[in-house]
Amino acid sequence: MKLINIGFGNLINADRVVAVISPDSAPAKRMIQECRERAQLIDATHGRKTKGVIITDSDNVVLSFLTAEQLLVRFNDQKGGREFGFGE
């Protein structure tokens, strides 16, 4: 399991991420609002402006203050995440 720091010490399982998108489009804003209403929204911005939206395979949406490009670098960087081998 690879955990990625998405800001302020918040970690997310990289294996569960489906997409990372920008929050500026109308469909992204609708998806965020719908997840907020269904209590499936995780706000990891610590009060900062939302710049990146992470969509997981469990239908949860995570908001981050990091941009989609910054998150991409962290997901692709081997040093950006921590490997945890459980049962391997």
Protein backbone atom coordinates (compact mmCIF):
# COMPACT_ATOMS: atom_id res chain seq x y z
CA MET A 1 0.00 0.00 0.00
CA LYS A 2 1.42 3.38 -1.01
CA LEU A 3 0.28 6.41 0.99
CA ILE A 4 0.61 9.85 -0.60
CA ASN A 5 0.78 13.11 1.35
CA ILE A 6 -1.94 15.41 -0.03
CA GLY A 7 -1.05 18.31 2.25
CA PHE A 8 -0.99 19.15 5.96
CA GLY A 9 0.06 15.61 6.83
CA ASN A 10 -3.08 14.08 5.31
CA LEU A 11 -2.39 10.79 3.54
CA ILE A 12 -4.37 8.93 0.91
CA ASN A 13 -4.01 5.38 -0.39
CA ALA A 14 -2.67 5.74 -3.94
CA ASP A 15 -4.14 2.37 -4.95
CA ARG A 16 -7.70 3.65 -4.36
CA VAL A 17 -7.42 6.81 -6.50
CA VAL A 18 -9.34 6.81 -9.76
CA ALA A 19 -8.78 10.41 -10.89
CA VAL A 20 -7.37 13.79 -9.87
CA ILE A 21 -9.19 16.76 -11.39
CA SER A 22 -9.41 20.53 -11.15
CA PRO A 23 -12.38 21.89 -9.17
CA ASP A 24 -13.11 24.71 -11.63
CA SER A 25 -15.45 22.99 -14.09
CA ALA A 26 -19.22 22.86 -13.63
CA PRO A 27 -19.33 19.02 -13.54
CA ALA A 28 -16.66 18.97 -10.83
CA LYS A 29 -18.60 21.51 -8.77
CA ARG A 30 -21.79 19.43 -9.15
CA MET A 31 -19.96 16.27 -8.10
CA ILE A 32 -18.52 18.01 -5.02
CA GLN A 33 -21.97 19.29 -4.02
CA GLU A 34 -23.59 15.88 -4.52
CA CYS A 35 -20.90 14.17 -2.42
CA ARG A 36 -21.31 16.82 0.28
CA GLU A 37 -25.05 16.07 0.43
CA ARG A 38 -24.40 12.29 0.62
CA ALA A 39 -21.69 12.78 3.30
CA GLN A 40 -19.03 11.29 1.02
CA LEU A 41 -16.87 14.41 0.84
CA ILE A 42 -13.57 14.63 2.69
CA ASP A 43 -12.22 18.17 3.01
CA ALA A 44 -8.44 18.09 3.51
CA THR A 45 -7.88 21.77 2.65
CA HIS A 46 -7.67 23.06 6.24
CA GLY A 47 -9.63 26.15 5.21
CA ARG A 48 -7.52 26.92 2.15
CA LYS A 49 -8.86 27.26 -1.39
CA THR A 50 -9.61 23.93 -3.08
CA LYS A 51 -7.24 23.45 -6.01
CA GLY A 52 -7.40 19.68 -6.51
CA VAL A 53 -10.16 17.07 -6.31
CA ILE A 54 -9.29 13.41 -5.77
CA ILE A 55 -11.87 10.79 -6.75
CA THR A 56 -11.57 7.34 -5.18
CA ASP A 57 -12.94 3.95 -6.18
CA SER A 58 -15.15 3.93 -3.05
CA ASP A 59 -17.13 6.95 -4.39
CA ASN A 60 -15.50 9.30 -1.90
CA VAL A 61 -14.23 12.68 -3.05
CA VAL A 62 -11.26 14.30 -1.31
CA LEU A 63 -10.56 18.02 -1.59
CA SER A 64 -6.96 19.23 -1.46
CA PHE A 65 -5.30 22.62 -1.53
CA LEU A 66 -2.65 21.18 -3.89
CA THR A 67 -3.25 21.53 -7.62
CA ALA A 68 -3.84 18.50 -9.83
CA GLU A 69 -0.33 18.98 -11.27
CA GLN A 70 1.28 19.04 -7.80
CA LEU A 71 -0.67 15.92 -6.82
CA LEU A 72 0.43 14.20 -10.04
CA VAL A 73 4.08 14.81 -9.13
CA ARG A 74 3.51 13.33 -5.68
CA PHE A 75 1.75 10.28 -7.09
CA ASN A 76 4.52 9.67 -9.63
CA ASP A 77 7.42 10.41 -7.27
CA GLN A 78 8.65 7.27 -5.53
CA LYS A 79 9.87 9.37 -2.59
CA GLY A 80 6.54 11.22 -2.27
CA GLY A 81 4.76 8.21 -0.85
CA ARG A 82 5.53 5.65 1.79
CA GLU A 83 5.30 1.95 1.04
CA PHE A 84 3.64 -0.21 3.66
CA GLY A 85 3.84 -3.91 2.96
CA PHE A 86 1.13 -5.77 4.81
CA GLY A 87 1.31 -9.51 4.30
CA GLU A 88 3.75 -9.25 1.38
